[in-house]
Amino acid sequence: MKKMLGLLLMTTGLLAGCQTTEDIDFTSKDYTCTTTCRNRYDSCQGAITMMPIRKNNDCVDNLRFCIAQCPPKGSPVIVPSNDASNPSKVSMADAKRKCLDLGFKVGTESFGQCVLKVAK
């Protein structure tokens, strides 16, 4: 019994740092675009890693960023690209503001990654 309780506590402790996708609004965005984002998220989650919590959090961060780029329902469809050659530049201040709006917390690694992605 003690072993089972210890295993339960250890598992709970490991999962405590995992982000979820529950707060992401898929319904107000274009279906084709959100489907592309979800497929990328599923591929990301399928990768085997030695650091599953960090991998999960990175996948959720990438999903948030992808969904944020999707147009509202009824708009012309522009699927977010993985192309790093995006010619439009965003200022660092605008990138930080965008990441704050997406729910990232200042001072976290995921916030920094978001700022870098938005500023590209």
PDB file of N, CA and C in Angstrom:
ATOM      1  N   MET A   1       0.814  -1.192   0.000  1.00  0.00           N
ATOM      2  CA  MET A   1       0.000   0.000   0.000  1.00  0.00           C
ATOM      3  C   MET A   1       0.862   1.262   0.000  1.00  0.00           C
ATOM      4  N   LYS A   2       1.941   1.228   0.802  1.00  0.00           N
ATOM      5  CA  LYS A   2       2.829   2.384   0.867  1.00  0.00           C
ATOM      6  C   LYS A   2       3.492   2.640  -0.479  1.00  0.00           C
ATOM      7  N   LYS A   3       3.841   1.545  -1.183  1.00  0.00           N
ATOM      8  CA  LYS A   3       4.468   1.696  -2.502  1.00  0.00           C
ATOM      9  C   LYS A   3       3.505   2.341  -3.489  1.00  0.00           C
ATOM     10  N   MET A   4       2.236   1.937  -3.423  1.00  0.00           N
ATOM     11  CA  MET A   4       1.241   2.507  -4.336  1.00  0.00           C
ATOM     12  C   MET A   4       1.037   3.991  -4.045  1.00  0.00           C
ATOM     13  N   LEU A   5       0.978   4.337  -2.760  1.00  0.00           N
ATOM     14  CA  LEU A   5       0.811   5.733  -2.383  1.00  0.00           C
ATOM     15  C   LEU A   5       2.015   6.558  -2.831  1.00  0.00           C
ATOM     16  N   GLY A   6       3.218   6.006  -2.646  1.00  0.00           N
ATOM     17  CA  GLY A   6       4.430   6.691  -3.085  1.00  0.00           C
ATOM     18  C   GLY A   6       4.453   6.897  -4.585  1.00  0.00           C
ATOM     19  N   LEU A   7       4.023   5.879  -5.329  1.00  0.00           N
ATOM     20  CA  LEU A   7       3.966   5.982  -6.788  1.00  0.00           C
ATOM     21  C   LEU A   7       2.952   7.033  -7.213  1.00  0.00           C
ATOM     22  N   LEU A   8       1.811   7.059  -6.554  1.00  0.00           N
ATOM     23  CA  LEU A   8       0.784   8.055  -6.863  1.00  0.00           C
ATOM     24  C   LEU A   8       1.292   9.471  -6.599  1.00  0.00           C
ATOM     25  N   LEU A   9       1.942   9.669  -5.462  1.00  0.00           N
ATOM     26  CA  LEU A   9       2.485  10.996  -5.131  1.00  0.00           C
ATOM     27  C   LEU A   9       3.577  11.406  -6.101  1.00  0.00           C
ATOM     28  N   MET A  10       4.429  10.469  -6.503  1.00  0.00           N
ATOM     29  CA  MET A  10       5.500  10.774  -7.441  1.00  0.00           C
ATOM     30  C   MET A  10       4.923  11.152  -8.804  1.00  0.00           C
ATOM     31  N   THR A  11       3.922  10.399  -9.266  1.00  0.00           N
ATOM     32  CA  THR A  11       3.295  10.691 -10.551  1.00  0.00           C
ATOM     33  C   THR A  11       2.608  12.045 -10.520  1.00  0.00           C
ATOM     34  N   THR A  12       1.897  12.326  -9.437  1.00  0.00           N
ATOM     35  CA  THR A  12       1.229  13.621  -9.297  1.00  0.00           C
ATOM     36  C   THR A  12       2.248  14.751  -9.305  1.00  0.00           C
ATOM     37  N   GLY A  13       3.365  14.557  -8.614  1.00  0.00           N
ATOM     38  CA  GLY A  13       4.413  15.572  -8.589  1.00  0.00           C
ATOM     39  C   GLY A  13       5.020  15.808  -9.955  1.00  0.00           C
ATOM     40  N   LEU A  14       5.178  14.743 -10.725  1.00  0.00           N
ATOM     41  CA  LEU A  14       5.753  14.885 -12.066  1.00  0.00           C
ATOM     42  C   LEU A  14       4.816  15.627 -13.005  1.00  0.00           C
ATOM     43  N   LEU A  15       3.528  15.395 -12.867  1.00  0.00           N
ATOM     44  CA  LEU A  15       2.564  16.007 -13.778  1.00  0.00           C
ATOM     45  C   LEU A  15       2.141  17.406 -13.341  1.00  0.00           C
ATOM     46  N   ALA A  16       2.506  17.822 -12.149  1.00  0.00           N
ATOM     47  CA  ALA A  16       2.078  19.117 -11.623  1.00  0.00           C
ATOM     48  C   ALA A  16       2.570  20.288 -12.472  1.00  0.00           C
ATOM     49  N   GLY A  17       3.710  20.139 -13.130  1.00  0.00           N
ATOM     50  CA  GLY A  17       4.259  21.228 -13.921  1.00  0.00           C
ATOM     51  C   GLY A  17       3.801  21.242 -15.363  1.00  0.00           C
ATOM     52  N   CYS A  18       2.915  20.338 -15.743  1.00  0.00           N
ATOM     53  CA  CYS A  18       2.468  20.243 -17.133  1.00  0.00           C
ATOM     54  C   CYS A  18       1.409  21.293 -17.452  1.00  0.00           C
ATOM     55  N   GLN A  19       1.572  21.938 -18.590  1.00  0.00           N
ATOM     56  CA  GLN A  19       0.556  22.860 -19.074  1.00  0.00           C
ATOM     57  C   GLN A  19      -0.544  22.053 -19.747  1.00  0.00           C
ATOM     58  N   THR A  20      -1.730  22.631 -19.837  1.00  0.00           N
ATOM     59  CA  THR A  20      -2.824  21.978 -20.549  1.00  0.00           C
ATOM     60  C   THR A  20      -3.297  22.892 -21.672  1.00  0.00           C
ATOM     61  N   THR A  21      -4.149  22.345 -22.508  1.00  0.00           N
ATOM     62  CA  THR A  21      -4.696  23.114 -23.628  1.00  0.00           C
ATOM     63  C   THR A  21      -6.142  23.532 -23.364  1.00  0.00           C
ATOM     64  N   GLU A  22      -6.615  23.327 -22.126  1.00  0.00           N
ATOM     65  CA  GLU A  22      -8.014  23.593 -21.798  1.00  0.00           C
ATOM     66  C   GLU A  22      -8.429  25.042 -22.013  1.00  0.00           C
ATOM     67  N   ASP A  23      -7.508  25.970 -21.837  1.00  0.00           N
ATOM     68  CA  ASP A  23      -7.861  27.389 -21.937  1.00  0.00           C
ATOM     69  C   ASP A  23      -7.715  27.950 -23.352  1.00  0.00           C
ATOM     70  N   ILE A  24      -7.308  27.123 -24.297  1.00  0.00           N
ATOM     71  CA  ILE A  24      -7.142  27.599 -25.676  1.00  0.00           C
ATOM     72  C   ILE A  24      -8.484  27.534 -26.390  1.00  0.00           C
ATOM     73  N   ASP A  25      -8.902  28.665 -26.979  1.00  0.00           N
ATOM     74  CA  ASP A  25     -10.190  28.746 -27.674  1.00  0.00           C
ATOM     75  C   ASP A  25     -10.008  28.380 -29.145  1.00  0.00           C
ATOM     76  N   PHE A  26     -10.440  27.176 -29.489  1.00  0.00           N
ATOM     77  CA  PHE A  26     -10.360  26.722 -30.873  1.00  0.00           C
ATOM     78  C   PHE A  26     -11.614  27.128 -31.660  1.00  0.00           C
ATOM     79  N   THR A  27     -12.696  27.428 -30.964  1.00  0.00           N
ATOM     80  CA  THR A  27     -13.988  27.624 -31.622  1.00  0.00           C
ATOM     81  C   THR A  27     -14.106  28.930 -32.389  1.00  0.00           C
ATOM     82  N   SER A  28     -13.370  29.948 -32.003  1.00  0.00           N
ATOM     83  CA  SER A  28     -13.513  31.243 -32.665  1.00  0.00           C
ATOM     84  C   SER A  28     -12.558  31.398 -33.850  1.00  0.00           C
ATOM     85  N   LYS A  29     -11.739  30.396 -34.078  1.00  0.00           N
ATOM     86  CA  LYS A  29     -10.743  30.470 -35.148  1.00  0.00           C
ATOM     87  C   LYS A  29     -11.142  29.594 -36.334  1.00  0.00           C
ATOM     88  N   ASP A  30     -10.547  29.854 -37.475  1.00  0.00           N
ATOM     89  CA  ASP A  30     -10.822  29.104 -38.687  1.00  0.00           C
ATOM     90  C   ASP A  30     -10.510  27.616 -38.489  1.00  0.00           C
ATOM     91  N   TYR A  31     -11.426  26.761 -38.913  1.00  0.00           N
ATOM     92  CA  TYR A  31     -11.312  25.319 -38.683  1.00  0.00           C
ATOM     93  C   TYR A  31     -10.088  24.710 -39.366  1.00  0.00           C
ATOM     94  N   THR A  32      -9.833  25.073 -40.609  1.00  0.00           N
ATOM     95  CA  THR A  32      -8.691  24.504 -41.342  1.00  0.00           C
ATOM     96  C   THR A  32      -7.383  24.844 -40.652  1.00  0.00           C
ATOM     97  N   CYS A  33      -7.271  26.065 -40.212  1.00  0.00           N
ATOM     98  CA  CYS A  33      -6.051  26.510 -39.553  1.00  0.00           C
ATOM     99  C   CYS A  33      -5.869  25.804 -38.206  1.00  0.00           C
ATOM    100  N   THR A  34      -6.938  25.724 -37.408  1.00  0.00           N
ATOM    101  CA  THR A  34      -6.821  25.068 -36.105  1.00  0.00           C
ATOM    102  C   THR A  34      -6.538  23.582 -36.255  1.00  0.00           C
ATOM    103  N   THR A  35      -7.051  22.970 -37.319  1.00  0.00           N
ATOM    104  CA  THR A  35      -6.765  21.552 -37.572  1.00  0.00           C
ATOM    105  C   THR A  35      -5.278  21.363 -37.859  1.00  0.00           C
ATOM    106  N   THR A  36      -4.718  22.266 -38.639  1.00  0.00           N
ATOM    107  CA  THR A  36      -3.275  22.209 -38.913  1.00  0.00           C
ATOM    108  C   THR A  36      -2.487  22.341 -37.614  1.00  0.00           C
ATOM    109  N   CYS A  37      -2.896  23.272 -36.770  1.00  0.00           N
ATOM    110  CA  CYS A  37      -2.211  23.468 -35.486  1.00  0.00           C
ATOM    111  C   CYS A  37      -2.329  22.230 -34.601  1.00  0.00           C
ATOM    112  N   ARG A  38      -3.517  21.646 -34.552  1.00  0.00           N
ATOM    113  CA  ARG A  38      -3.712  20.444 -33.737  1.00  0.00           C
ATOM    114  C   ARG A  38      -2.866  19.280 -34.249  1.00  0.00           C
ATOM    115  N   ASN A  39      -2.773  19.148 -35.564  1.00  0.00           N
ATOM    116  CA  ASN A  39      -1.941  18.077 -36.135  1.00  0.00           C
ATOM    117  C   ASN A  39      -0.479  18.271 -35.758  1.00  0.00           C
ATOM    118  N   ARG A  40      -0.010  19.505 -35.793  1.00  0.00           N
ATOM    119  CA  ARG A  40       1.374  19.785 -35.383  1.00  0.00           C
ATOM    120  C   ARG A  40       1.567  19.474 -33.903  1.00  0.00           C
ATOM    121  N   TYR A  41       0.566  19.813 -33.089  1.00  0.00           N
ATOM    122  CA  TYR A  41       0.614  19.522 -31.651  1.00  0.00           C
ATOM    123  C   TYR A  41       0.682  18.011 -31.416  1.00  0.00           C
ATOM    124  N   ASP A  42      -0.152  17.259 -32.127  1.00  0.00           N
ATOM    125  CA  ASP A  42      -0.147  15.802 -31.987  1.00  0.00           C
ATOM    126  C   ASP A  42       1.203  15.211 -32.377  1.00  0.00           C
ATOM    127  N   SER A  43       1.803  15.727 -33.450  1.00  0.00           N
ATOM    128  CA  SER A  43       3.132  15.257 -33.862  1.00  0.00           C
ATOM    129  C   SER A  43       4.174  15.577 -32.799  1.00  0.00           C
ATOM    130  N   CYS A  44       4.072  16.759 -32.237  1.00  0.00           N
ATOM    131  CA  CYS A  44       5.001  17.186 -31.191  1.00  0.00           C
ATOM    132  C   CYS A  44       4.877  16.272 -29.972  1.00  0.00           C
ATOM    133  N   GLN A  45       3.655  15.986 -29.564  1.00  0.00           N
ATOM    134  CA  GLN A  45       3.423  15.148 -28.386  1.00  0.00           C
ATOM    135  C   GLN A  45       3.872  13.709 -28.622  1.00  0.00           C
ATOM    136  N   GLY A  46       3.883  13.272 -29.878  1.00  0.00           N
ATOM    137  CA  GLY A  46       4.253  11.898 -30.187  1.00  0.00           C
ATOM    138  C   GLY A  46       5.740  11.623 -30.082  1.00  0.00           C
ATOM    139  N   ALA A  47       6.538  12.670 -30.022  1.00  0.00           N
ATOM    140  CA  ALA A  47       7.992  12.491 -29.958  1.00  0.00           C
ATOM    141  C   ALA A  47       8.398  11.962 -28.583  1.00  0.00           C
ATOM    142  N   ILE A  48       9.293  11.002 -28.567  1.00  0.00           N
ATOM    143  CA  ILE A  48       9.792  10.426 -27.317  1.00  0.00           C
ATOM    144  C   ILE A  48      10.925  11.297 -26.801  1.00  0.00           C
ATOM    145  N   THR A  49      10.919  11.536 -25.496  1.00  0.00           N
ATOM    146  CA  THR A  49      11.923  12.404 -24.898  1.00  0.00           C
ATOM    147  C   THR A  49      12.236  11.954 -23.480  1.00  0.00           C
ATOM    148  N   MET A  50      13.380  12.364 -22.999  1.00  0.00           N
ATOM    149  CA  MET A  50      13.767  12.066 -21.624  1.00  0.00           C
ATOM    150  C   MET A  50      13.208  13.114 -20.654  1.00  0.00           C
ATOM    151  N   MET A  51      12.663  14.194 -21.194  1.00  0.00           N
ATOM    152  CA  MET A  51      12.121  15.278 -20.366  1.00  0.00           C
ATOM    153  C   MET A  51      10.674  15.531 -20.788  1.00  0.00           C
ATOM    154  N   PRO A  52       9.735  14.653 -20.385  1.00  0.00           N
ATOM    155  CA  PRO A  52       8.364  14.742 -20.893  1.00  0.00           C
ATOM    156  C   PRO A  52       7.607  16.002 -20.488  1.00  0.00           C
ATOM    157  N   ILE A  53       7.839  16.528 -19.302  1.00  0.00           N
ATOM    158  CA  ILE A  53       7.111  17.732 -18.883  1.00  0.00           C
ATOM    159  C   ILE A  53       7.543  18.923 -19.722  1.00  0.00           C
ATOM    160  N   ARG A  54       8.845  19.069 -19.911  1.00  0.00           N
ATOM    161  CA  ARG A  54       9.341  20.180 -20.732  1.00  0.00           C
ATOM    162  C   ARG A  54       8.845  20.042 -22.168  1.00  0.00           C
ATOM    163  N   LYS A  55       8.869  18.810 -22.692  1.00  0.00           N
ATOM    164  CA  LYS A  55       8.394  18.576 -24.056  1.00  0.00           C
ATOM    165  C   LYS A  55       6.922  18.943 -24.166  1.00  0.00           C
ATOM    166  N   ASN A  56       6.110  18.514 -23.177  1.00  0.00           N
ATOM    167  CA  ASN A  56       4.688  18.843 -23.182  1.00  0.00           C
ATOM    168  C   ASN A  56       4.501  20.359 -23.175  1.00  0.00           C
ATOM    169  N   ASN A  57       5.212  21.046 -22.301  1.00  0.00           N
ATOM    170  CA  ASN A  57       5.067  22.494 -22.200  1.00  0.00           C
ATOM    171  C   ASN A  57       5.487  23.188 -23.490  1.00  0.00           C
ATOM    172  N   ASP A  58       6.547  22.699 -24.125  1.00  0.00           N
ATOM    173  CA  ASP A  58       6.965  23.264 -25.420  1.00  0.00           C
ATOM    174  C   ASP A  58       5.886  23.044 -26.477  1.00  0.00           C
ATOM    175  N   CYS A  59       5.295  21.841 -26.481  1.00  0.00           N
ATOM    176  CA  CYS A  59       4.234  21.538 -27.456  1.00  0.00           C
ATOM    177  C   CYS A  59       3.020  22.444 -27.235  1.00  0.00           C
ATOM    178  N   VAL A  60       2.644  22.655 -25.976  1.00  0.00           N
ATOM    179  CA  VAL A  60       1.500  23.520 -25.666  1.00  0.00           C
ATOM    180  C   VAL A  60       1.819  24.964 -26.059  1.00  0.00           C
ATOM    181  N   ASP A  61       3.030  25.420 -25.774  1.00  0.00           N
ATOM    182  CA  ASP A  61       3.428  26.784 -26.162  1.00  0.00           C
ATOM    183  C   ASP A  61       3.352  26.960 -27.676  1.00  0.00           C
ATOM    184  N   ASN A  62       3.849  25.974 -28.411  1.00  0.00           N
ATOM    185  CA  ASN A  62       3.799  26.040 -29.875  1.00  0.00           C
ATOM    186  C   ASN A  62       2.359  26.028 -30.377  1.00  0.00           C
ATOM    187  N   LEU A  63       1.485  25.253 -29.726  1.00  0.00           N
ATOM    188  CA  LEU A  63       0.075  25.228 -30.107  1.00  0.00           C
ATOM    189  C   LEU A  63      -0.567  26.593 -29.867  1.00  0.00           C
ATOM    190  N   ARG A  64      -0.301  27.202 -28.707  1.00  0.00           N
ATOM    191  CA  ARG A  64      -0.840  28.538 -28.412  1.00  0.00           C
ATOM    192  C   ARG A  64      -0.400  29.542 -29.484  1.00  0.00           C
ATOM    193  N   PHE A  65       0.868  29.494 -29.824  1.00  0.00           N
ATOM    194  CA  PHE A  65       1.408  30.423 -30.814  1.00  0.00           C
ATOM    195  C   PHE A  65       0.755  30.193 -32.173  1.00  0.00           C
ATOM    196  N   CYS A  66       0.601  28.926 -32.555  1.00  0.00           N
ATOM    197  CA  CYS A  66      -0.011  28.589 -33.840  1.00  0.00           C
ATOM    198  C   CYS A  66      -1.460  29.063 -33.895  1.00  0.00           C
ATOM    199  N   ILE A  67      -2.231  28.775 -32.857  1.00  0.00           N
ATOM    200  CA  ILE A  67      -3.643  29.169 -32.816  1.00  0.00           C
ATOM    201  C   ILE A  67      -3.776  30.691 -32.849  1.00  0.00           C
ATOM    202  N   ALA A  68      -2.868  31.388 -32.186  1.00  0.00           N
ATOM    203  CA  ALA A  68      -2.921  32.852 -32.171  1.00  0.00           C
ATOM    204  C   ALA A  68      -2.761  33.431 -33.571  1.00  0.00           C
ATOM    205  N   GLN A  69      -2.079  32.717 -34.445  1.00  0.00           N
ATOM    206  CA  GLN A  69      -1.874  33.185 -35.811  1.00  0.00           C
ATOM    207  C   GLN A  69      -3.056  32.862 -36.724  1.00  0.00           C
ATOM    208  N   CYS A  70      -3.971  32.015 -36.280  1.00  0.00           N
ATOM    209  CA  CYS A  70      -5.118  31.632 -37.110  1.00  0.00           C
ATOM    210  C   CYS A  70      -6.109  32.789 -37.219  1.00  0.00           C
ATOM    211  N   PRO A  71      -6.683  32.952 -38.402  1.00  0.00           N
ATOM    212  CA  PRO A  71      -7.687  34.014 -38.563  1.00  0.00           C
ATOM    213  C   PRO A  71      -9.009  33.610 -37.906  1.00  0.00           C
ATOM    214  N   PRO A  72      -9.849  34.599 -37.596  1.00  0.00           N
ATOM    215  CA  PRO A  72     -11.174  34.284 -37.050  1.00  0.00           C
ATOM    216  C   PRO A  72     -12.001  33.511 -38.081  1.00  0.00           C
ATOM    217  N   LYS A  73     -13.034  32.846 -37.607  1.00  0.00           N
ATOM    218  CA  LYS A  73     -13.928  32.135 -38.519  1.00  0.00           C
ATOM    219  C   LYS A  73     -14.470  33.103 -39.552  1.00  0.00           C
ATOM    220  N   GLY A  74     -14.562  32.638 -40.788  1.00  0.00           N
ATOM    221  CA  GLY A  74     -15.110  33.462 -41.855  1.00  0.00           C
ATOM    222  C   GLY A  74     -14.077  34.320 -42.566  1.00  0.00           C
ATOM    223  N   SER A  75     -12.861  34.388 -42.052  1.00  0.00           N
ATOM    224  CA  SER A  75     -11.798  35.164 -42.697  1.00  0.00           C
ATOM    225  C   SER A  75     -11.114  34.304 -43.747  1.00  0.00           C
ATOM    226  N   PRO A  76     -10.392  34.933 -44.670  1.00  0.00           N
ATOM    227  CA  PRO A  76      -9.608  34.142 -45.613  1.00  0.00           C
ATOM    228  C   PRO A  76      -8.607  33.287 -44.837  1.00  0.00           C
ATOM    229  N   VAL A  77      -8.419  32.052 -45.266  1.00  0.00           N
ATOM    230  CA  VAL A  77      -7.552  31.124 -44.545  1.00  0.00           C
ATOM    231  C   VAL A  77      -6.094  31.379 -44.860  1.00  0.00           C
ATOM    232  N   ILE A  78      -5.319  31.574 -43.814  1.00  0.00           N
ATOM    233  CA  ILE A  78      -3.866  31.678 -43.925  1.00  0.00           C
ATOM    234  C   ILE A  78      -3.309  30.714 -42.901  1.00  0.00           C
ATOM    235  N   VAL A  79      -2.791  29.597 -43.351  1.00  0.00           N
ATOM    236  CA  VAL A  79      -2.262  28.591 -42.437  1.00  0.00           C
ATOM    237  C   VAL A  79      -0.903  29.043 -41.947  1.00  0.00           C
ATOM    238  N   PRO A  80      -0.678  29.052 -40.628  1.00  0.00           N
ATOM    239  CA  PRO A  80       0.631  29.454 -40.105  1.00  0.00           C
ATOM    240  C   PRO A  80       1.729  28.567 -40.672  1.00  0.00           C
ATOM    241  N   SER A  81       2.817  29.179 -41.046  1.00  0.00           N
ATOM    242  CA  SER A  81       3.906  28.400 -41.635  1.00  0.00           C
ATOM    243  C   SER A  81       5.016  28.195 -40.621  1.00  0.00           C
ATOM    244  N   ASN A  82       5.809  27.180 -40.880  1.00  0.00           N
ATOM    245  CA  ASN A  82       7.001  26.931 -40.073  1.00  0.00           C
ATOM    246  C   ASN A  82       8.200  27.613 -40.717  1.00  0.00           C
ATOM    247  N   ASP A  83       7.941  28.357 -41.769  1.00  0.00           N
ATOM    248  CA  ASP A  83       9.000  28.981 -42.548  1.00  0.00           C
ATOM    249  C   ASP A  83       9.653  30.102 -41.750  1.00  0.00           C
ATOM    250  N   ALA A  84      10.954  29.984 -41.549  1.00  0.00           N
ATOM    251  CA  ALA A  84      11.686  30.995 -40.781  1.00  0.00           C
ATOM    252  C   ALA A  84      12.008  32.230 -41.616  1.00  0.00           C
ATOM    253  N   SER A  85      11.695  32.209 -42.888  1.00  0.00           N
ATOM    254  CA  SER A  85      12.026  33.340 -43.748  1.00  0.00           C
ATOM    255  C   SER A  85      10.888  34.347 -43.839  1.00  0.00           C
ATOM    256  N   ASN A  86      10.154  34.536 -42.755  1.00  0.00           N
ATOM    257  CA  ASN A  86       9.059  35.485 -42.700  1.00  0.00           C
ATOM    258  C   ASN A  86       9.633  36.898 -42.816  1.00  0.00           C
ATOM    259  N   PRO A  87       9.289  37.616 -43.889  1.00  0.00           N
ATOM    260  CA  PRO A  87       9.902  38.921 -44.107  1.00  0.00           C
ATOM    261  C   PRO A  87       9.420  40.020 -43.159  1.00  0.00           C
ATOM    262  N   SER A  88       8.260  39.869 -42.560  1.00  0.00           N
ATOM    263  CA  SER A  88       7.764  40.940 -41.700  1.00  0.00           C
ATOM    264  C   SER A  88       8.383  40.826 -40.310  1.00  0.00           C
ATOM    265  N   LYS A  89       8.913  41.945 -39.834  1.00  0.00           N
ATOM    266  CA  LYS A  89       9.550  41.988 -38.517  1.00  0.00           C
ATOM    267  C   LYS A  89       8.608  42.659 -37.529  1.00  0.00           C
ATOM    268  N   VAL A  90       8.628  42.183 -36.307  1.00  0.00           N
ATOM    269  CA  VAL A  90       7.824  42.748 -35.235  1.00  0.00           C
ATOM    270  C   VAL A  90       8.788  43.268 -34.184  1.00  0.00           C
ATOM    271  N   SER A  91       8.498  44.439 -33.615  1.00  0.00           N
ATOM    272  CA  SER A  91       9.386  44.983 -32.589  1.00  0.00           C
ATOM    273  C   SER A  91       9.346  44.093 -31.348  1.00  0.00           C
ATOM    274  N   MET A  92      10.394  44.152 -30.548  1.00  0.00           N
ATOM    275  CA  MET A  92      10.463  43.340 -29.330  1.00  0.00           C
ATOM    276  C   MET A  92       9.344  43.721 -28.359  1.00  0.00           C
ATOM    277  N   ALA A  93       9.035  45.000 -28.271  1.00  0.00           N
ATOM    278  CA  ALA A  93       7.963  45.442 -27.374  1.00  0.00           C
ATOM    279  C   ALA A  93       6.618  44.863 -27.813  1.00  0.00           C
ATOM    280  N   ASP A  94       6.359  44.871 -29.122  1.00  0.00           N
ATOM    281  CA  ASP A  94       5.119  44.299 -29.642  1.00  0.00           C
ATOM    282  C   ASP A  94       5.090  42.789 -29.428  1.00  0.00           C
ATOM    283  N   ALA A  95       6.230  42.150 -29.606  1.00  0.00           N
ATOM    284  CA  ALA A  95       6.317  40.703 -29.410  1.00  0.00           C
ATOM    285  C   ALA A  95       6.041  40.347 -27.948  1.00  0.00           C
ATOM    286  N   LYS A  96       6.598  41.114 -27.026  1.00  0.00           N
ATOM    287  CA  LYS A  96       6.356  40.865 -25.600  1.00  0.00           C
ATOM    288  C   LYS A  96       4.882  41.057 -25.256  1.00  0.00           C
ATOM    289  N   ARG A  97       4.288  42.113 -25.801  1.00  0.00           N
ATOM    290  CA  ARG A  97       2.874  42.384 -25.551  1.00  0.00           C
ATOM    291  C   ARG A  97       2.005  41.240 -26.067  1.00  0.00           C
ATOM    292  N   LYS A  98       2.333  40.753 -27.272  1.00  0.00           N
ATOM    293  CA  LYS A  98       1.575  39.655 -27.878  1.00  0.00           C
ATOM    294  C   LYS A  98       1.669  38.396 -27.009  1.00  0.00           C
ATOM    295  N   CYS A  99       2.867  38.094 -26.519  1.00  0.00           N
ATOM    296  CA  CYS A  99       3.059  36.905 -25.685  1.00  0.00           C
ATOM    297  C   CYS A  99       2.334  37.032 -24.352  1.00  0.00           C
ATOM    298  N   LEU A 100       2.314  38.234 -23.791  1.00  0.00           N
ATOM    299  CA  LEU A 100       1.545  38.461 -22.563  1.00  0.00           C
ATOM    300  C   LEU A 100       0.059  38.237 -22.833  1.00  0.00           C
ATOM    301  N   ASP A 101      -0.423  38.731 -23.979  1.00  0.00           N
ATOM    302  CA  ASP A 101      -1.827  38.550 -24.349  1.00  0.00           C
ATOM    303  C   ASP A 101      -2.175  37.076 -24.529  1.00  0.00           C
ATOM    304  N   LEU A 102      -1.187  36.276 -24.965  1.00  0.00           N
ATOM    305  CA  LEU A 102      -1.411  34.844 -25.172  1.00  0.00           C
ATOM    306  C   LEU A 102      -1.381  34.056 -23.869  1.00  0.00           C
ATOM    307  N   GLY A 103      -0.991  34.708 -22.777  1.00  0.00           N
ATOM    308  CA  GLY A 103      -1.011  34.047 -21.483  1.00  0.00           C
ATOM    309  C   GLY A 103       0.333  33.591 -20.953  1.00  0.00           C
ATOM    310  N   PHE A 104       1.416  33.941 -21.637  1.00  0.00           N
ATOM    311  CA  PHE A 104       2.737  33.570 -21.145  1.00  0.00           C
ATOM    312  C   PHE A 104       3.126  34.482 -19.989  1.00  0.00           C
ATOM    313  N   LYS A 105       3.899  33.964 -19.065  1.00  0.00           N
ATOM    314  CA  LYS A 105       4.319  34.721 -17.889  1.00  0.00           C
ATOM    315  C   LYS A 105       5.737  35.266 -18.092  1.00  0.00           C
ATOM    316  N   VAL A 106       5.920  36.572 -17.822  1.00  0.00           N
ATOM    317  CA  VAL A 106       7.213  37.231 -17.967  1.00  0.00           C
ATOM    318  C   VAL A 106       8.234  36.524 -17.079  1.00  0.00           C
ATOM    319  N   GLY A 107       9.431  36.328 -17.617  1.00  0.00           N
ATOM    320  CA  GLY A 107      10.509  35.719 -16.851  1.00  0.00           C
ATOM    321  C   GLY A 107      10.621  34.215 -17.032  1.00  0.00           C
ATOM    322  N   THR A 108       9.658  33.607 -17.729  1.00  0.00           N
ATOM    323  CA  THR A 108       9.739  32.167 -17.954  1.00  0.00           C
ATOM    324  C   THR A 108      10.443  31.890 -19.275  1.00  0.00           C
ATOM    325  N   GLU A 109      10.963  30.682 -19.390  1.00  0.00           N
ATOM    326  CA  GLU A 109      11.643  30.290 -20.627  1.00  0.00           C
ATOM    327  C   GLU A 109      10.663  30.291 -21.801  1.00  0.00           C
ATOM    328  N   SER A 110       9.433  29.842 -21.540  1.00  0.00           N
ATOM    329  CA  SER A 110       8.452  29.797 -22.622  1.00  0.00           C
ATOM    330  C   SER A 110       8.085  31.211 -23.091  1.00  0.00           C
ATOM    331  N   PHE A 111       8.079  32.188 -22.180  1.00  0.00           N
ATOM    332  CA  PHE A 111       7.824  33.575 -22.575  1.00  0.00           C
ATOM    333  C   PHE A 111       8.931  34.059 -23.514  1.00  0.00           C
ATOM    334  N   GLY A 112      10.180  33.763 -23.164  1.00  0.00           N
ATOM    335  CA  GLY A 112      11.307  34.157 -24.007  1.00  0.00           C
ATOM    336  C   GLY A 112      11.239  33.515 -25.375  1.00  0.00           C
ATOM    337  N   GLN A 113      10.879  32.233 -25.414  1.00  0.00           N
ATOM    338  CA  GLN A 113      10.750  31.547 -26.703  1.00  0.00           C
ATOM    339  C   GLN A 113       9.640  32.155 -27.532  1.00  0.00           C
ATOM    340  N   CYS A 114       8.527  32.496 -26.879  1.00  0.00           N
ATOM    341  CA  CYS A 114       7.420  33.118 -27.583  1.00  0.00           C
ATOM    342  C   CYS A 114       7.847  34.459 -28.182  1.00  0.00           C
ATOM    343  N   VAL A 115       8.525  35.279 -27.400  1.00  0.00           N
ATOM    344  CA  VAL A 115       8.984  36.580 -27.883  1.00  0.00           C
ATOM    345  C   VAL A 115       9.887  36.413 -29.101  1.00  0.00           C
ATOM    346  N   LEU A 116      10.785  35.453 -29.041  1.00  0.00           N
ATOM    347  CA  LEU A 116      11.681  35.236 -30.179  1.00  0.00           C
ATOM    348  C   LEU A 116      10.912  34.797 -31.415  1.00  0.00           C
ATOM    349  N   LYS A 117       9.918  33.922 -31.243  1.00  0.00           N
ATOM    350  CA  LYS A 117       9.134  33.452 -32.392  1.00  0.00           C
ATOM    351  C   LYS A 117       8.317  34.581 -32.983  1.00  0.00           C
ATOM    352  N   VAL A 118       7.681  35.384 -32.141  1.00  0.00           N
ATOM    353  CA  VAL A 118       6.844  36.484 -32.635  1.00  0.00           C
ATOM    354  C   VAL A 118       7.700  37.558 -33.311  1.00  0.00           C
ATOM    355  N   ALA A 119       8.882  37.786 -32.780  1.00  0.00           N
ATOM    356  CA  ALA A 119       9.745  38.858 -33.306  1.00  0.00           C
ATOM    357  C   ALA A 119      10.426  38.484 -34.615  1.00  0.00           C
ATOM    358  N   LYS A 120      10.383  37.221 -35.005  1.00  0.00           N
ATOM    359  CA  LYS A 120      11.045  36.808 -36.262  1.00  0.00           C
ATOM    360  C   LYS A 120      10.511  37.556 -37.443  1.00  0.00           C
TER     361      LYS A 120
END
